[in-house]
Amino acid sequence: MKKIIIFITTILILIIVLLIVRNKEQALEVYGMNEYTGLVDDGTKRLSLNIYLNKSKSLITYPSKNSYSLNMDNMNVLLDDVLINEKAIDDYYEINITAKMPVIITDELYSNNNYLIIKNNKYQIKVNVGSISIFKPDDLPKLIIENITGSYSYINNNPSLVGINMKTINSYSNISYFRLGYSSYCSLNSIKENTSYDSQINIKNIIPEYEYLYNGKYNESKALLSNINFYPLSHNSFKLIRRSYALITLDGITYYIEDNNLCKLPFNKLKSYLIKGEVL
């Protein structure tokens, strides 16, 4: 009888411990991405940023209970008209934060280090959201494209954007400039015409002389024989690029390309870019 009582007591203690552990509030963890994001400000678009949490329906996902600001290189912007969308992604919850676009007085604003600050009555978070540029197209025409995707290779053990595949609606005979975002450039002489590649490639198998870091030189121009091409890219820094606008000069006319989502790689291949933020 005594053994039965001891057994039942042990089981009850284990159940109580499990319930306590299960009900204990999980400490909030927040992450940003070491990435570059290029956004177009055409008067209709919103600022869009992503952060990642270890728990669902955190207090920071309720706009009415928080203030949101973006600490940029040279200014601090209080975000207005904030909307939040949450979705589960692998072991994290991706929080997409959109707000009115910050007012800029230049055609193109670039900020290298940006921190999203979120405050409520319980805590404050500070998380690095990477580099951001905002481009105002003004009177530039928009290039009409049918399809655009990115191709990624492993550089320094991280999946890195090495080129984009693009099909334009119209055909052009000459290209003399191509810049993706603020500081990524195409080597015009290395464009692969009438072809496109998968989301993950080995760029050295396609362009043996490829260099990831931009060398500061431009090609003057190149004849184009197709409207379906692969445009290899070199960059000024080692950052993930998933979304960006572009500038391109075709047949002597400079166009802008909408900020597009270029990355089709699954999130579990991008985790190496995560940067843990602070919860204060």
Protein backbone atom coordinates (compact mmCIF):
# COMPACT_ATOMS: atom_id res chain seq x y z
CA MET A 1 0.00 0.00 0.00
CA LYS A 2 2.82 2.34 0.92
CA LYS A 3 4.49 1.72 -2.47
CA ILE A 4 1.25 2.55 -4.28
CA ILE A 5 0.94 5.86 -2.37
CA ILE A 6 4.59 6.75 -3.18
CA PHE A 7 4.01 5.92 -6.86
CA ILE A 8 0.83 8.01 -7.08
CA THR A 9 2.50 10.90 -5.27
CA THR A 10 5.46 10.78 -7.67
CA ILE A 11 3.15 10.81 -10.68
CA LEU A 12 1.23 13.79 -9.28
CA ILE A 13 4.45 15.71 -8.66
CA LEU A 14 5.62 15.05 -12.21
CA ILE A 15 2.27 16.22 -13.61
CA ILE A 16 2.44 19.42 -11.55
CA VAL A 17 6.04 20.11 -12.70
CA LEU A 18 5.08 19.56 -16.34
CA LEU A 19 2.13 21.91 -16.02
CA ILE A 20 4.32 24.59 -14.43
CA VAL A 21 6.92 24.26 -17.20
CA ARG A 22 4.26 24.36 -19.90
CA ASN A 23 2.54 27.39 -18.46
CA LYS A 24 5.73 29.31 -17.74
CA GLU A 25 5.92 32.28 -20.08
CA GLN A 26 8.54 31.86 -22.79
CA ALA A 27 11.10 34.65 -22.85
CA LEU A 28 10.72 36.79 -25.97
CA GLU A 29 13.53 36.65 -28.50
CA VAL A 30 13.68 38.91 -31.55
CA TYR A 31 15.83 38.72 -34.68
CA GLY A 32 16.53 40.86 -37.72
CA MET A 33 18.34 39.99 -40.96
CA ASN A 34 21.76 41.14 -42.09
CA GLU A 35 20.31 42.20 -45.41
CA TYR A 36 19.93 45.03 -47.87
CA THR A 37 16.44 46.14 -48.94
CA GLY A 38 15.75 48.59 -51.78
CA LEU A 39 12.31 50.23 -51.87
CA VAL A 40 10.58 52.44 -54.44
CA ASP A 41 8.71 55.52 -53.21
CA ASP A 42 6.27 56.37 -56.01
CA GLY A 43 3.69 57.98 -53.76
CA THR A 44 1.61 54.82 -53.36
CA LYS A 45 3.95 52.34 -51.65
CA ARG A 46 4.56 51.68 -47.97
CA LEU A 47 7.69 50.98 -45.99
CA SER A 48 7.96 47.24 -45.35
CA LEU A 49 10.24 45.52 -42.83
CA ASN A 50 10.48 41.98 -41.48
CA ILE A 51 11.59 40.79 -38.06
CA TYR A 52 11.43 37.33 -36.50
CA LEU A 53 10.16 36.20 -33.09
CA ASN A 54 10.30 32.95 -31.16
CA LYS A 55 6.66 33.22 -30.02
CA SER A 56 3.30 34.02 -31.54
CA LYS A 57 1.03 36.99 -30.82
CA SER A 58 3.63 38.93 -28.87
CA LEU A 59 2.64 42.30 -27.43
CA ILE A 60 4.70 44.06 -30.13
CA THR A 61 2.34 42.78 -32.82
CA TYR A 62 -0.50 45.04 -31.61
CA PRO A 63 -0.02 48.52 -33.15
CA SER A 64 -2.34 50.28 -30.69
CA LYS A 65 -0.15 49.17 -27.76
CA ASN A 66 3.23 50.16 -29.20
CA SER A 67 5.25 52.94 -30.76
CA TYR A 68 7.46 52.02 -33.72
CA SER A 69 10.46 53.99 -34.93
CA LEU A 70 13.29 53.44 -37.37
CA ASN A 71 16.71 54.64 -36.29
CA MET A 72 18.57 55.34 -39.56
CA ASP A 73 22.13 56.59 -40.12
CA ASN A 74 21.25 60.28 -40.05
CA MET A 75 17.73 60.47 -38.71
CA ASN A 76 15.16 58.82 -36.51
CA VAL A 77 11.74 58.23 -38.09
CA LEU A 78 8.60 57.66 -36.03
CA LEU A 79 6.58 55.19 -38.10
CA ASP A 80 2.98 56.15 -38.81
CA ASP A 81 -0.08 54.07 -39.76
CA VAL A 82 1.61 50.80 -38.77
CA LEU A 83 0.08 47.50 -39.87
CA ILE A 84 1.28 44.08 -38.68
CA ASN A 85 1.05 40.69 -40.36
CA GLU A 86 2.32 37.55 -38.66
CA LYS A 87 3.00 34.12 -40.15
CA ALA A 88 4.72 30.99 -38.86
CA ILE A 89 7.91 30.13 -40.71
CA ASP A 90 10.04 27.18 -39.58
CA ASP A 91 10.79 27.67 -35.86
CA TYR A 92 10.05 31.40 -35.98
CA TYR A 93 7.20 33.83 -36.50
CA GLU A 94 7.83 36.32 -39.29
CA ILE A 95 6.43 39.74 -38.42
CA ASN A 96 5.89 41.99 -41.43
CA ILE A 97 5.63 45.63 -40.40
CA THR A 98 4.35 48.17 -42.92
CA ALA A 99 4.01 51.92 -42.40
CA LYS A 100 3.83 55.16 -44.33
CA MET A 101 7.01 55.72 -46.32
CA PRO A 102 9.49 58.09 -44.59
CA VAL A 103 9.69 61.50 -46.24
CA ILE A 104 12.96 61.91 -48.15
CA ILE A 105 14.18 65.03 -49.94
CA THR A 106 16.66 63.35 -52.26
CA ASP A 107 16.05 61.11 -55.27
CA GLU A 108 17.70 58.22 -53.47
CA LEU A 109 18.28 57.77 -49.74
CA TYR A 110 20.70 55.14 -48.46
CA SER A 111 21.13 54.19 -44.81
CA ASN A 112 23.70 51.53 -43.94
CA ASN A 113 22.70 50.67 -40.36
CA ASN A 114 19.05 50.67 -39.39
CA TYR A 115 17.46 49.66 -36.11
CA LEU A 116 13.78 49.12 -35.52
CA ILE A 117 12.75 50.31 -32.05
CA ILE A 118 9.45 49.12 -30.58
CA LYS A 119 8.24 50.38 -27.21
CA ASN A 120 5.28 49.45 -25.05
CA ASN A 121 4.42 49.65 -21.36
CA LYS A 122 6.25 46.39 -20.55
CA TYR A 123 9.48 46.42 -22.54
CA GLN A 124 11.38 47.81 -25.50
CA ILE A 125 13.03 45.96 -28.36
CA LYS A 126 15.88 47.08 -30.58
CA VAL A 127 16.64 44.99 -33.64
CA ASN A 128 18.97 45.46 -36.60
CA VAL A 129 17.01 45.40 -39.87
CA GLY A 130 20.03 45.80 -42.15
CA SER A 131 20.69 48.36 -44.87
CA ILE A 132 17.87 50.25 -46.61
CA SER A 133 17.62 52.51 -49.61
CA ILE A 134 14.54 54.36 -50.84
CA PHE A 135 14.35 55.50 -54.46
CA LYS A 136 12.03 58.18 -55.87
CA PRO A 137 11.57 57.57 -59.61
CA ASP A 138 10.15 61.04 -60.33
CA ASP A 139 9.92 61.25 -64.14
CA LEU A 140 11.80 58.04 -64.96
CA PRO A 141 9.75 55.56 -66.98
CA LYS A 142 9.08 52.16 -65.45
CA LEU A 143 10.41 49.14 -67.34
CA ILE A 144 7.64 46.67 -68.06
CA ILE A 145 8.83 43.16 -67.30
CA GLU A 146 7.17 39.78 -67.54
CA ASN A 147 9.28 37.96 -64.99
CA ILE A 148 12.21 38.56 -62.63
CA THR A 149 13.89 36.16 -60.18
CA GLY A 150 17.18 35.94 -58.33
CA SER A 151 19.89 33.27 -58.52
CA TYR A 152 21.97 32.56 -55.42
CA SER A 153 25.35 30.90 -54.85
CA TYR A 154 27.12 30.12 -51.59
CA ILE A 155 29.66 32.87 -50.88
CA ASN A 156 31.47 32.63 -47.53
CA ASN A 157 29.08 29.79 -46.64
CA ASN A 158 26.02 32.04 -47.10
CA PRO A 159 23.50 31.96 -49.97
CA SER A 160 24.24 35.22 -51.83
CA LEU A 161 22.55 36.91 -54.77
CA VAL A 162 24.87 36.54 -57.78
CA GLY A 163 22.51 37.56 -60.56
CA ILE A 164 18.95 38.09 -61.70
CA ASN A 165 16.96 36.45 -64.47
CA MET A 166 14.70 38.89 -66.26
CA LYS A 167 12.32 38.78 -69.20
CA THR A 168 11.17 42.13 -70.56
CA ILE A 169 7.95 42.59 -72.52
CA ASN A 170 9.69 44.58 -75.24
CA SER A 171 12.96 43.86 -77.03
CA TYR A 172 15.96 46.20 -76.86
CA SER A 173 19.15 46.27 -78.88
CA ASN A 174 21.62 47.77 -76.40
CA ILE A 175 22.30 47.98 -72.65
CA SER A 176 24.72 50.52 -71.17
CA TYR A 177 23.96 50.48 -67.41
CA PHE A 178 22.44 48.17 -64.82
CA ARG A 179 22.40 48.80 -61.08
CA LEU A 180 20.40 46.78 -58.58
CA GLY A 181 19.55 48.91 -55.59
CA TYR A 182 22.12 51.28 -54.20
CA SER A 183 25.38 49.39 -54.62
CA SER A 184 25.07 46.24 -56.74
CA TYR A 185 26.22 46.37 -60.34
CA CYS A 186 26.02 44.18 -63.40
CA SER A 187 29.10 43.33 -65.45
CA LEU A 188 27.56 43.92 -68.85
CA ASN A 189 30.17 41.88 -70.70
CA SER A 190 29.18 38.82 -68.63
CA ILE A 191 25.44 38.93 -69.35
CA LYS A 192 24.13 35.53 -70.44
CA GLU A 193 21.59 36.04 -73.20
CA ASN A 194 18.51 34.05 -74.04
CA THR A 195 18.78 32.05 -70.83
CA SER A 196 17.82 31.99 -67.16
CA TYR A 197 18.94 29.94 -64.17
CA ASP A 198 17.52 28.31 -61.06
CA SER A 199 17.25 29.91 -57.64
CA GLN A 200 20.41 28.12 -56.48
CA ILE A 201 23.42 27.84 -58.80
CA ASN A 202 27.20 27.63 -58.75
CA ILE A 203 28.10 30.91 -60.40
CA LYS A 204 31.70 29.84 -61.03
CA ASN A 205 30.43 27.06 -63.29
CA ILE A 206 28.63 29.69 -65.39
CA ILE A 207 31.11 32.59 -65.17
CA PRO A 208 34.53 31.29 -64.04
CA GLU A 209 35.92 34.83 -63.67
CA TYR A 210 32.98 35.99 -61.52
CA GLU A 211 33.85 38.21 -58.51
CA TYR A 212 31.30 38.88 -55.78
CA LEU A 213 32.79 42.19 -54.64
CA TYR A 214 32.35 45.07 -57.08
CA ASN A 215 35.62 46.42 -58.50
CA GLY A 216 34.34 49.93 -59.25
CA LYS A 217 34.49 49.62 -63.04
CA TYR A 218 31.64 50.00 -65.52
CA ASN A 219 31.22 48.49 -68.96
CA GLU A 220 30.21 51.13 -71.50
CA SER A 221 27.61 49.16 -73.42
CA LYS A 222 26.67 45.79 -74.86
CA ALA A 223 24.45 44.68 -77.70
CA LEU A 224 21.43 42.65 -76.63
CA LEU A 225 20.08 39.88 -78.82
CA SER A 226 17.33 38.63 -76.51
CA ASN A 227 14.70 39.88 -74.06
CA ILE A 228 15.39 36.92 -71.72
CA ASN A 229 18.73 37.36 -69.99
CA PHE A 230 20.78 36.57 -66.89
CA TYR A 231 22.41 39.66 -65.38
CA PRO A 232 25.33 38.78 -63.05
CA LEU A 233 25.79 41.09 -60.07
CA SER A 234 28.69 42.21 -57.92
CA HIS A 235 28.21 44.03 -54.62
CA ASN A 236 29.81 46.44 -52.18
CA SER A 237 29.10 44.32 -49.10
CA PHE A 238 28.24 40.81 -47.96
CA LYS A 239 24.52 41.07 -47.22
CA LEU A 240 21.47 39.06 -48.10
CA ILE A 241 19.40 40.70 -50.85
CA ARG A 242 15.81 39.55 -51.20
CA ARG A 243 14.01 42.65 -52.42
CA SER A 244 15.20 45.63 -54.45
CA TYR A 245 14.50 48.07 -57.24
CA ALA A 246 16.91 48.50 -60.17
CA LEU A 247 18.01 51.12 -62.70
CA ILE A 248 18.73 50.07 -66.27
CA THR A 249 19.64 51.98 -69.44
CA LEU A 250 18.35 50.38 -72.63
CA ASP A 251 18.75 51.95 -76.07
CA GLY A 252 19.85 55.19 -74.40
CA ILE A 253 16.83 55.50 -72.09
CA THR A 254 17.12 54.95 -68.32
CA TYR A 255 14.25 53.04 -66.71
CA TYR A 256 13.54 51.96 -63.16
CA ILE A 257 12.40 48.49 -62.22
CA GLU A 258 9.92 48.05 -59.38
CA ASP A 259 11.19 46.70 -56.08
CA ASN A 260 10.60 42.99 -56.54
CA ASN A 261 10.91 39.95 -54.33
CA LEU A 262 13.87 38.14 -55.91
CA CYS A 263 14.38 35.28 -53.47
CA LYS A 264 12.64 31.93 -53.77
CA LEU A 265 14.98 30.07 -51.42
CA PRO A 266 13.32 28.51 -48.34
CA PHE A 267 13.78 30.35 -45.06
CA ASN A 268 15.85 27.56 -43.53
CA LYS A 269 18.64 28.39 -46.02
CA LEU A 270 18.68 32.03 -44.91
CA LYS A 271 18.97 31.51 -41.14
CA SER A 272 22.71 32.26 -41.17
CA TYR A 273 21.82 35.93 -41.77
CA LEU A 274 19.73 36.27 -38.59
CA ILE A 275 20.92 38.86 -36.06
CA LYS A 276 19.60 38.62 -32.49
CA GLY A 277 18.11 41.84 -31.17
CA GLU A 278 17.69 43.22 -27.67
CA VAL A 279 14.65 43.00 -25.40
CA LEU A 280 15.04 45.62 -22.66
